[in-house]
N, C-alpha and C. Protein backbone atom coordinates (compact mmCIF):
# COMPACT_ATOMS: atom_id res chain seq x y z
N UNK A 1 0.85 -1.04 0.02
CA UNK A 1 0.05 0.03 0.02
C UNK A 1 0.85 1.31 0.00
N UNK A 2 0.55 2.40 -0.67
CA UNK A 2 1.15 3.58 -0.70
C UNK A 2 0.20 4.66 -0.29
N UNK A 3 0.64 5.41 0.62
CA UNK A 3 -0.14 6.58 1.05
C UNK A 3 0.65 7.80 0.80
N UNK A 4 0.09 8.82 0.39
CA UNK A 4 0.75 10.19 0.21
C UNK A 4 0.95 10.75 1.61
N UNK A 5 1.88 11.84 1.65
CA UNK A 5 1.99 12.44 2.96
C UNK A 5 0.86 13.00 3.55
N UNK A 6 -0.15 13.55 2.64
CA UNK A 6 -1.35 14.13 3.09
C UNK A 6 -2.26 13.07 3.62
N UNK A 7 -2.27 11.96 2.91
CA UNK A 7 -3.23 10.80 3.43
C UNK A 7 -2.74 10.38 4.87
N UNK A 8 -1.47 10.23 5.03
CA UNK A 8 -0.90 9.78 6.26
C UNK A 8 -1.22 10.84 7.34
N UNK A 9 -1.25 12.08 7.11
CA UNK A 9 -1.62 13.16 8.07
C UNK A 9 -3.06 13.02 8.41
N UNK A 10 -3.91 12.90 7.33
CA UNK A 10 -5.36 12.72 7.49
C UNK A 10 -5.56 11.59 8.32
N UNK A 11 -5.02 10.37 8.13
CA UNK A 11 -5.23 9.18 8.98
C UNK A 11 -4.83 9.29 10.39
N UNK A 12 -3.68 9.98 10.61
CA UNK A 12 -3.22 10.28 12.00
C UNK A 12 -4.09 11.17 12.70
N UNK A 13 -4.62 12.18 12.04
CA UNK A 13 -5.53 13.12 12.62
C UNK A 13 -6.93 12.49 13.04
N UNK A 14 -7.34 11.59 12.12
CA UNK A 14 -8.57 10.74 12.43
C UNK A 14 -8.26 9.79 13.67
N UNK A 15 -7.11 9.27 13.60
CA UNK A 15 -6.73 8.33 14.77
C UNK A 15 -6.78 9.03 16.04
N UNK A 16 -6.15 10.33 16.06
CA UNK A 16 -6.34 11.14 17.23
C UNK A 16 -7.56 11.54 17.65
N UNK A 17 -8.69 11.75 16.66
CA UNK A 17 -9.90 12.07 17.00
C UNK A 17 -10.60 10.95 17.74
N UNK A 18 -10.41 9.74 16.99
CA UNK A 18 -11.00 8.41 17.71
C UNK A 18 -10.53 8.37 19.07
N UNK A 19 -9.20 8.42 19.29
CA UNK A 19 -8.67 8.37 20.72
C UNK A 19 -9.35 9.36 21.65
N UNK A 20 -9.30 10.59 21.21
CA UNK A 20 -9.83 11.62 22.14
C UNK A 20 -11.27 11.59 22.50
N UNK A 21 -12.07 11.01 21.40
CA UNK A 21 -13.54 10.90 21.68
C UNK A 21 -13.78 9.53 22.29
N UNK A 22 -12.70 8.60 22.44
CA UNK A 22 -12.89 7.31 23.07
C UNK A 22 -13.89 6.38 22.35
N UNK A 23 -13.84 6.66 21.00
CA UNK A 23 -14.70 5.75 20.04
C UNK A 23 -14.26 4.34 20.08
N UNK A 24 -15.28 3.44 20.25
CA UNK A 24 -14.90 2.03 20.19
C UNK A 24 -15.54 1.47 19.05
N UNK A 25 -14.76 1.48 17.93
CA UNK A 25 -15.25 1.09 16.64
C UNK A 25 -14.42 -0.10 16.13
N UNK A 26 -14.61 -0.29 14.88
CA UNK A 26 -13.89 -1.44 14.23
C UNK A 26 -12.48 -1.20 14.00
N UNK A 27 -12.05 0.14 14.10
CA UNK A 27 -10.65 0.33 13.79
C UNK A 27 -9.88 0.67 14.93
N UNK A 28 -8.56 0.30 15.12
CA UNK A 28 -7.92 0.56 16.25
C UNK A 28 -7.01 1.63 15.91
N UNK A 29 -7.13 2.83 16.56
CA UNK A 29 -6.41 4.03 16.22
C UNK A 29 -4.93 3.81 16.58
N UNK A 30 -4.50 3.09 17.60
CA UNK A 30 -3.13 2.82 17.94
C UNK A 30 -2.52 2.12 16.90
N UNK A 31 -3.12 1.02 16.43
CA UNK A 31 -2.51 0.30 15.14
C UNK A 31 -2.39 1.16 14.02
N UNK A 32 -3.41 1.84 13.62
CA UNK A 32 -3.14 2.77 12.52
C UNK A 32 -2.12 3.80 12.66
N UNK A 33 -2.06 4.38 13.72
CA UNK A 33 -0.91 5.49 14.21
C UNK A 33 0.44 4.71 14.08
N UNK A 34 0.62 3.60 14.71
CA UNK A 34 1.85 2.83 14.74
C UNK A 34 2.32 2.39 13.39
N UNK A 35 1.39 1.87 12.70
CA UNK A 35 1.69 1.45 11.28
C UNK A 35 2.29 2.51 10.41
N UNK A 36 1.62 3.80 10.56
CA UNK A 36 2.29 4.90 9.75
C UNK A 36 3.56 5.29 10.27
N UNK A 37 3.66 5.50 11.74
CA UNK A 37 4.96 6.01 12.22
C UNK A 37 6.11 5.16 12.00
N UNK A 38 5.75 3.75 12.07
CA UNK A 38 6.74 2.66 11.71
C UNK A 38 7.08 2.45 10.51
N UNK A 39 6.28 2.97 9.52
CA UNK A 39 6.45 2.89 8.00
C UNK A 39 6.27 1.41 7.67
N UNK A 40 5.13 0.73 8.22
CA UNK A 40 4.89 -0.67 7.93
C UNK A 40 3.54 -0.72 7.30
N UNK A 41 3.40 0.07 6.19
CA UNK A 41 2.07 0.12 5.48
C UNK A 41 1.56 -1.14 5.00
N UNK A 42 2.42 -2.22 4.82
CA UNK A 42 1.98 -3.44 4.43
C UNK A 42 1.07 -4.04 5.55
N UNK A 43 1.24 -3.61 6.63
CA UNK A 43 0.51 -4.26 7.79
C UNK A 43 -1.06 -4.00 7.72
N UNK A 44 -1.43 -2.84 7.01
CA UNK A 44 -2.96 -2.59 6.67
C UNK A 44 -3.57 -3.71 5.93
N UNK A 45 -2.82 -4.22 4.94
CA UNK A 45 -3.39 -5.45 4.19
C UNK A 45 -3.39 -6.61 5.03
N UNK A 46 -2.56 -6.83 5.96
CA UNK A 46 -2.49 -8.10 6.71
C UNK A 46 -3.48 -8.00 7.85
N UNK A 47 -3.76 -6.79 8.49
CA UNK A 47 -4.72 -6.77 9.61
C UNK A 47 -6.02 -6.32 9.33
N UNK A 48 -6.25 -5.57 8.21
CA UNK A 48 -7.57 -5.15 7.80
C UNK A 48 -8.13 -5.82 6.54
N UNK A 49 -8.09 -7.12 6.60
CA UNK A 49 -8.38 -8.04 5.48
C UNK A 49 -9.77 -7.89 4.91
N UNK A 50 -10.69 -7.28 5.71
CA UNK A 50 -12.02 -7.12 5.27
C UNK A 50 -12.23 -5.98 4.39
N UNK A 51 -11.14 -5.04 4.23
CA UNK A 51 -11.07 -4.02 3.26
C UNK A 51 -10.47 -4.46 1.98
N UNK A 52 -11.08 -4.26 0.79
CA UNK A 52 -10.58 -4.74 -0.59
C UNK A 52 -9.52 -3.65 -1.01
N UNK A 53 -8.43 -3.79 -0.37
CA UNK A 53 -7.22 -2.94 -0.71
C UNK A 53 -6.74 -3.49 -2.15
N UNK A 54 -6.03 -2.67 -2.92
CA UNK A 54 -5.39 -3.03 -4.10
C UNK A 54 -4.19 -4.02 -3.77
N UNK A 55 -4.21 -5.08 -4.64
CA UNK A 55 -3.18 -6.06 -4.20
C UNK A 55 -1.86 -5.47 -4.34
N UNK A 56 -0.94 -5.77 -3.43
CA UNK A 56 0.34 -5.16 -3.40
C UNK A 56 1.38 -6.26 -2.85
N UNK A 57 2.59 -6.24 -3.41
CA UNK A 57 3.60 -7.11 -2.80
C UNK A 57 4.12 -6.67 -1.47
N UNK A 58 4.36 -7.52 -0.58
CA UNK A 58 5.05 -7.21 0.70
C UNK A 58 6.55 -7.00 0.25
N UNK A 59 7.17 -6.25 1.14
CA UNK A 59 8.70 -6.16 1.00
C UNK A 59 9.20 -7.63 1.22
N UNK A 60 10.21 -8.02 0.48
CA UNK A 60 10.74 -9.53 0.64
C UNK A 60 11.14 -9.71 1.99
N UNK A 61 11.63 -8.87 2.78
CA UNK A 61 12.06 -9.12 4.32
C UNK A 61 10.93 -9.52 5.18
N UNK A 62 9.67 -9.08 4.80
CA UNK A 62 8.44 -9.34 5.38
C UNK A 62 8.16 -10.80 5.26
N UNK A 63 8.08 -11.35 4.17
CA UNK A 63 7.86 -12.77 3.90
C UNK A 63 8.96 -13.53 4.59
N UNK A 64 10.17 -13.20 4.36
CA UNK A 64 11.25 -13.98 4.99
C UNK A 64 11.06 -13.99 6.55
N UNK A 65 10.82 -12.80 7.12
CA UNK A 65 10.63 -12.87 8.47
C UNK A 65 9.49 -13.70 8.96
N UNK A 66 8.41 -13.64 8.29
CA UNK A 66 7.22 -14.62 8.59
C UNK A 66 7.68 -16.00 8.50
N UNK A 67 8.42 -16.34 7.49
CA UNK A 67 8.91 -17.72 7.31
C UNK A 67 9.81 -18.11 8.54
N UNK A 68 10.77 -17.24 8.86
CA UNK A 68 11.64 -17.58 9.94
C UNK A 68 10.78 -17.83 11.26
N UNK A 69 9.97 -16.88 11.52
CA UNK A 69 9.16 -16.96 12.77
C UNK A 69 8.38 -18.28 12.78
N UNK A 70 7.65 -18.58 11.65
CA UNK A 70 6.94 -19.72 11.56
C UNK A 70 7.81 -20.99 11.77
N UNK A 71 8.97 -20.99 11.17
CA UNK A 71 9.90 -22.12 11.42
C UNK A 71 10.31 -22.36 13.03
N UNK A 72 10.70 -21.27 13.57
CA UNK A 72 11.10 -21.28 14.84
C UNK A 72 9.94 -21.57 15.73
N UNK A 73 8.68 -21.32 15.46
CA UNK A 73 7.61 -21.69 16.20
C UNK A 73 7.55 -23.20 16.37
N UNK A 74 7.69 -23.80 14.99
CA UNK A 74 7.75 -25.14 14.95
C UNK A 74 8.85 -25.90 15.67
N UNK A 75 10.07 -25.24 15.56
CA UNK A 75 11.06 -25.77 16.19
C UNK A 75 10.99 -25.86 17.66
N UNK A 76 10.54 -24.72 18.29
CA UNK A 76 10.37 -24.72 19.77
C UNK A 76 9.18 -25.71 20.20
N UNK A 77 8.11 -25.79 19.46
CA UNK A 77 7.10 -26.68 19.85
C UNK A 77 7.43 -28.05 19.79
N UNK A 78 8.39 -28.43 18.68
CA UNK A 78 9.04 -29.81 18.67
C UNK A 78 10.05 -30.03 19.72
N UNK A 79 10.81 -29.12 20.08
CA UNK A 79 11.83 -29.45 21.21
C UNK A 79 11.06 -29.53 22.32
N UNK A 80 9.99 -28.83 22.89
CA UNK A 80 9.26 -28.95 24.04
C UNK A 80 8.52 -30.30 24.10
N UNK A 81 8.20 -30.96 22.95
CA UNK A 81 7.58 -32.13 22.87
C UNK A 81 8.52 -33.42 23.04
N UNK A 82 9.91 -33.13 23.07
CA UNK A 82 10.79 -34.26 23.14
C UNK A 82 10.81 -34.73 24.56
N UNK A 83 11.16 -36.08 24.60
CA UNK A 83 11.48 -36.69 25.96
C UNK A 83 12.73 -36.14 26.50
N UNK A 84 12.99 -36.40 27.85
CA UNK A 84 14.41 -35.91 28.20
C UNK A 84 15.43 -36.74 27.50
N UNK A 85 15.36 -37.98 27.17
CA UNK A 85 16.34 -38.85 26.44
C UNK A 85 16.43 -38.16 25.14
N UNK A 86 15.46 -37.77 24.34
CA UNK A 86 15.53 -37.40 23.08
C UNK A 86 16.24 -35.93 23.20
N UNK A 87 15.95 -35.06 24.33
CA UNK A 87 16.63 -33.73 24.38
C UNK A 87 18.15 -33.86 24.67
N UNK A 88 18.57 -34.93 25.30
CA UNK A 88 20.05 -35.27 25.55
C UNK A 88 20.51 -35.66 24.20
N UNK A 89 19.78 -36.47 23.39
CA UNK A 89 20.45 -36.91 22.17
C UNK A 89 20.56 -35.67 21.19
N UNK A 90 19.59 -34.74 21.25
CA UNK A 90 19.63 -33.50 20.35
C UNK A 90 20.70 -32.62 20.73
N UNK A 91 21.05 -32.59 22.09
CA UNK A 91 22.14 -31.77 22.60
C UNK A 91 23.38 -32.29 22.11
N UNK A 92 23.61 -33.58 22.05
CA UNK A 92 24.75 -34.27 21.37
C UNK A 92 24.97 -34.09 19.93
N UNK A 93 23.75 -34.32 19.17
CA UNK A 93 23.71 -34.51 17.68
C UNK A 93 23.84 -33.09 17.13
N UNK A 94 23.24 -31.98 17.81
CA UNK A 94 23.07 -30.72 17.13
C UNK A 94 23.88 -29.67 17.83
N UNK A 95 25.01 -30.19 18.42
CA UNK A 95 25.94 -29.33 19.32
C UNK A 95 26.47 -28.27 18.40
N UNK A 96 26.57 -26.91 18.73
CA UNK A 96 26.10 -26.43 20.04
C UNK A 96 24.81 -25.93 20.10
N UNK A 97 23.91 -26.24 19.24
CA UNK A 97 22.66 -25.59 18.98
C UNK A 97 21.42 -26.46 19.70
N UNK A 98 21.69 -27.71 20.26
CA UNK A 98 20.66 -28.43 20.62
C UNK A 98 20.31 -28.42 22.02
N UNK A 99 20.81 -27.32 22.83
CA UNK A 99 20.55 -27.12 24.21
C UNK A 99 19.58 -26.05 24.36
N UNK A 100 18.51 -26.00 25.22
CA UNK A 100 17.58 -25.03 25.41
C UNK A 100 17.17 -24.25 24.25
N UNK A 101 16.54 -25.08 23.31
CA UNK A 101 16.19 -24.40 21.93
C UNK A 101 15.16 -23.33 22.01
N UNK A 102 15.57 -22.09 21.62
CA UNK A 102 14.68 -20.92 21.85
C UNK A 102 15.08 -20.05 20.54
N UNK A 103 14.20 -19.38 20.02
CA UNK A 103 14.38 -18.42 18.93
C UNK A 103 15.21 -17.32 19.47
N UNK A 104 16.42 -17.03 18.97
CA UNK A 104 17.30 -15.96 19.56
C UNK A 104 16.98 -14.65 19.01
N UNK A 105 16.28 -14.44 18.01
CA UNK A 105 15.90 -13.15 17.48
C UNK A 105 16.77 -12.78 16.30
N UNK A 106 16.84 -11.55 16.05
CA UNK A 106 17.54 -10.78 14.87
C UNK A 106 18.51 -9.72 15.41
N UNK A 107 19.44 -9.45 14.61
CA UNK A 107 20.40 -8.27 14.99
C UNK A 107 19.53 -6.88 14.90
N UNK A 108 19.28 -6.30 16.02
CA UNK A 108 18.58 -4.97 15.99
C UNK A 108 19.28 -3.88 15.40
N UNK A 109 20.55 -4.03 15.21
CA UNK A 109 21.31 -2.84 14.46
C UNK A 109 21.45 -3.06 13.09
N UNK A 110 21.57 -4.31 12.62
CA UNK A 110 21.88 -4.55 11.14
C UNK A 110 20.76 -5.29 10.42
N UNK A 111 19.85 -5.92 11.09
CA UNK A 111 18.82 -6.63 10.23
C UNK A 111 17.50 -6.04 10.23
N UNK A 112 16.92 -5.73 9.08
CA UNK A 112 15.49 -5.22 9.13
C UNK A 112 14.46 -6.06 9.68
N UNK A 113 14.70 -7.36 9.55
CA UNK A 113 13.85 -8.43 10.11
C UNK A 113 13.57 -8.18 11.70
N UNK A 114 14.46 -7.61 12.34
CA UNK A 114 14.16 -7.28 13.78
C UNK A 114 12.98 -6.35 13.86
N UNK A 115 12.99 -5.22 13.21
CA UNK A 115 11.91 -4.30 13.32
C UNK A 115 10.72 -4.84 12.76
N UNK A 116 10.66 -5.60 11.74
CA UNK A 116 9.44 -6.21 11.15
C UNK A 116 8.82 -7.20 12.23
N UNK A 117 9.70 -8.11 12.80
CA UNK A 117 9.21 -8.95 13.78
C UNK A 117 8.59 -8.26 15.00
N UNK A 118 9.23 -7.14 15.42
CA UNK A 118 8.77 -6.50 16.67
C UNK A 118 7.43 -5.67 16.16
N UNK A 119 7.26 -5.23 15.00
CA UNK A 119 5.95 -4.74 14.64
C UNK A 119 4.99 -5.80 14.55
N UNK A 120 5.27 -6.89 14.07
CA UNK A 120 4.34 -8.09 14.15
C UNK A 120 3.79 -8.46 15.48
N UNK A 121 4.81 -8.48 16.42
CA UNK A 121 4.48 -8.97 17.72
C UNK A 121 3.92 -7.79 18.63
N UNK A 122 4.20 -6.76 18.48
CA UNK A 122 3.78 -5.47 19.18
C UNK A 122 2.43 -4.89 18.76
N UNK A 123 2.29 -4.69 17.36
CA UNK A 123 1.18 -3.97 16.93
C UNK A 123 0.18 -4.88 16.15
N UNK A 124 0.45 -6.11 15.74
CA UNK A 124 -0.50 -6.88 14.97
C UNK A 124 -1.11 -7.74 16.05
N UNK A 125 -2.32 -8.07 15.92
CA UNK A 125 -3.18 -8.66 16.97
C UNK A 125 -2.83 -9.99 17.23
N UNK A 126 -2.74 -10.97 16.35
CA UNK A 126 -2.53 -12.43 16.81
C UNK A 126 -1.49 -13.04 15.91
N UNK A 127 -0.45 -12.41 15.82
CA UNK A 127 0.75 -12.93 15.01
C UNK A 127 1.77 -13.40 15.94
N UNK A 128 2.14 -14.60 15.81
CA UNK A 128 3.20 -15.33 16.66
C UNK A 128 3.17 -14.98 18.04
N UNK A 129 1.95 -15.31 18.71
CA UNK A 129 1.93 -14.92 19.96
C UNK A 129 2.86 -15.64 20.98
N UNK A 130 3.46 -16.64 20.59
CA UNK A 130 4.34 -17.44 21.52
C UNK A 130 5.63 -16.69 21.64
N UNK A 131 5.91 -15.71 20.80
CA UNK A 131 7.25 -14.82 20.96
C UNK A 131 6.95 -13.61 21.51
N UNK A 132 5.64 -13.20 21.95
CA UNK A 132 5.37 -12.03 22.45
C UNK A 132 6.08 -11.76 23.95
N UNK A 133 6.63 -10.59 24.20
CA UNK A 133 7.18 -10.23 25.47
C UNK A 133 8.72 -10.67 25.46
N UNK A 134 9.17 -11.28 24.43
CA UNK A 134 10.65 -11.63 24.43
C UNK A 134 11.49 -10.35 23.92
N UNK A 135 12.70 -10.50 24.21
CA UNK A 135 13.64 -9.56 23.74
C UNK A 135 14.22 -10.23 22.48
N UNK A 136 13.92 -9.67 21.23
CA UNK A 136 14.21 -10.34 20.08
C UNK A 136 15.56 -9.80 19.48
N UNK A 137 16.24 -9.03 20.20
CA UNK A 137 17.63 -8.56 19.76
C UNK A 137 18.65 -9.60 19.94
N UNK A 138 19.21 -10.21 19.00
CA UNK A 138 20.27 -11.18 19.24
C UNK A 138 21.54 -10.62 19.37
N UNK A 139 21.63 -9.37 19.06
CA UNK A 139 22.98 -8.62 19.10
C UNK A 139 24.07 -9.33 18.17
N UNK A 140 23.62 -10.09 17.11
CA UNK A 140 24.42 -10.70 16.23
C UNK A 140 23.71 -11.03 15.01
N UNK A 141 24.44 -11.09 13.92
CA UNK A 141 23.85 -11.36 12.62
C UNK A 141 23.28 -12.88 12.67
N UNK A 142 22.05 -13.06 12.14
CA UNK A 142 21.31 -14.39 12.23
C UNK A 142 20.68 -14.78 10.99
N UNK A 143 20.36 -13.82 10.08
CA UNK A 143 19.63 -14.11 9.06
C UNK A 143 20.24 -15.11 8.15
N UNK A 144 21.51 -15.13 7.81
CA UNK A 144 22.13 -16.09 7.06
C UNK A 144 21.94 -17.60 7.55
N UNK A 145 22.08 -17.82 8.85
CA UNK A 145 21.88 -19.08 9.58
C UNK A 145 20.42 -19.38 9.41
N UNK A 146 19.58 -18.43 9.55
CA UNK A 146 18.07 -18.78 9.36
C UNK A 146 17.72 -19.23 7.97
N UNK A 147 18.37 -18.54 7.14
CA UNK A 147 18.08 -19.00 5.63
C UNK A 147 18.54 -20.44 5.56
N UNK A 148 19.74 -20.82 5.94
CA UNK A 148 20.19 -22.13 5.85
C UNK A 148 19.30 -23.26 6.66
N UNK A 149 18.82 -22.76 7.71
CA UNK A 149 17.80 -23.62 8.52
C UNK A 149 16.52 -23.78 7.63
N UNK A 150 15.97 -22.58 7.11
CA UNK A 150 14.72 -22.66 6.39
C UNK A 150 14.80 -23.55 5.14
N UNK A 151 16.03 -23.45 4.44
CA UNK A 151 16.07 -24.46 3.29
C UNK A 151 15.84 -25.96 3.63
N UNK A 152 16.35 -26.34 4.92
CA UNK A 152 16.00 -27.68 5.48
C UNK A 152 14.61 -27.72 5.90
N UNK A 153 14.08 -26.77 6.52
CA UNK A 153 12.67 -26.72 7.03
C UNK A 153 11.54 -26.75 5.97
N UNK A 154 11.87 -25.95 4.81
CA UNK A 154 10.77 -25.74 3.96
C UNK A 154 10.20 -27.01 3.18
N UNK A 155 10.88 -27.96 2.94
CA UNK A 155 10.42 -29.30 2.45
C UNK A 155 9.64 -30.02 3.39
N UNK A 156 9.92 -29.84 4.61
CA UNK A 156 9.19 -30.57 5.81
C UNK A 156 7.89 -29.91 6.05
N UNK A 157 7.81 -28.57 5.94
CA UNK A 157 6.67 -27.77 6.40
C UNK A 157 5.24 -28.28 5.95
N UNK A 158 5.17 -28.68 4.57
CA UNK A 158 3.79 -29.12 4.22
C UNK A 158 3.33 -30.33 4.94
N UNK A 159 4.21 -31.10 5.70
CA UNK A 159 3.72 -32.37 6.15
C UNK A 159 3.42 -32.01 7.83
N UNK A 160 3.42 -30.78 8.18
CA UNK A 160 3.29 -30.52 9.64
C UNK A 160 1.89 -30.16 10.09
N UNK A 161 0.98 -30.53 9.33
CA UNK A 161 -0.38 -30.17 9.66
C UNK A 161 -0.91 -30.72 10.93
N UNK A 162 -0.58 -31.95 11.31
CA UNK A 162 -1.02 -32.57 12.51
C UNK A 162 0.01 -33.30 13.42
N UNK A 163 1.21 -32.70 13.28
CA UNK A 163 2.27 -33.38 13.95
C UNK A 163 3.33 -32.27 14.23
N UNK A 164 4.19 -32.64 15.18
CA UNK A 164 5.35 -31.73 15.51
C UNK A 164 6.58 -32.27 14.65
N UNK A 165 7.63 -31.40 14.71
CA UNK A 165 8.93 -31.90 14.30
C UNK A 165 9.43 -32.93 15.20
N UNK A 166 10.06 -33.95 14.65
CA UNK A 166 10.58 -35.09 15.44
C UNK A 166 12.15 -34.85 15.58
N UNK A 167 12.69 -35.76 16.18
CA UNK A 167 14.01 -35.67 16.67
C UNK A 167 15.05 -35.36 15.55
N UNK A 168 14.88 -36.30 14.50
CA UNK A 168 15.76 -36.29 13.33
C UNK A 168 15.56 -34.92 12.65
N UNK A 169 14.38 -34.44 12.41
CA UNK A 169 13.93 -33.22 11.79
C UNK A 169 14.61 -32.00 12.40
N UNK A 170 14.49 -32.03 13.88
CA UNK A 170 15.08 -30.94 14.58
C UNK A 170 16.65 -30.91 14.50
N UNK A 171 17.17 -31.99 14.52
CA UNK A 171 18.59 -32.32 14.47
C UNK A 171 19.26 -31.63 13.16
N UNK A 172 18.53 -32.02 12.10
CA UNK A 172 18.89 -31.55 10.81
C UNK A 172 18.58 -30.04 10.66
N UNK A 173 17.54 -29.54 11.12
CA UNK A 173 17.39 -28.15 11.04
C UNK A 173 18.34 -27.40 11.92
N UNK A 174 18.42 -27.69 13.07
CA UNK A 174 19.43 -26.97 14.04
C UNK A 174 20.73 -26.96 13.54
N UNK A 175 21.24 -27.98 13.01
CA UNK A 175 22.58 -28.18 12.54
C UNK A 175 22.79 -27.26 11.30
N UNK A 176 21.86 -26.93 10.50
CA UNK A 176 21.99 -26.10 9.33
C UNK A 176 22.37 -24.73 9.82
N UNK A 177 22.31 -24.30 11.07
CA UNK A 177 22.79 -23.02 11.48
C UNK A 177 24.19 -22.80 11.32
N UNK A 178 25.02 -23.81 11.37
CA UNK A 178 26.51 -23.84 11.27
C UNK A 178 26.77 -23.46 9.88
N UNK A 179 27.73 -22.50 9.66
CA UNK A 179 28.09 -22.17 8.35
C UNK A 179 28.95 -23.28 7.80
N UNK A 180 28.71 -23.73 6.52
CA UNK A 180 29.39 -25.02 5.92
C UNK A 180 30.83 -24.76 6.04
N UNK A 181 31.50 -23.68 6.04
CA UNK A 181 32.99 -23.69 6.26
C UNK A 181 33.44 -24.14 7.58
N UNK A 182 32.57 -24.31 8.53
CA UNK A 182 32.82 -24.66 9.93
C UNK A 182 32.50 -26.07 10.26
N UNK A 183 31.96 -26.89 9.28
CA UNK A 183 31.34 -28.08 9.50
C UNK A 183 32.48 -29.12 9.43
């Protein structure tokens, strides 16, 4: 979605009126203001799907961030479902990534994915709720390792409708974090 500067100003003024008059309507003035101030206009298409907006492509980093968060949700759920013996095996087989498996986030200074993920978690209603309240600043580059992980995860994803990732799949996905030159 594209908005002119004037349209942004009008929407922000309307959101302020909504707030000042304490109108409880279909639109969330905080969401509208935050979406404009954070320059995440693609969020309108995602959250306000009842409005027939013109089709538009999301920035590539948005799709990639969504893919990574989805992957990590499955990884964390799969890890939590493992038995203690399986967790011990994962720790050994996926060293150093098999211990206390949790999504570490993105580099807040250098990766646009960090700001996209924060917007999704803080401003969008029901996106990736399992990650809400976490500090997602990994303080180190992570996108390249997530891309390697996702290449392993992507062919598995269509088969995860009624099950979790198993030990072998988790091992393979977590091991993909390591750069090939260090294997």
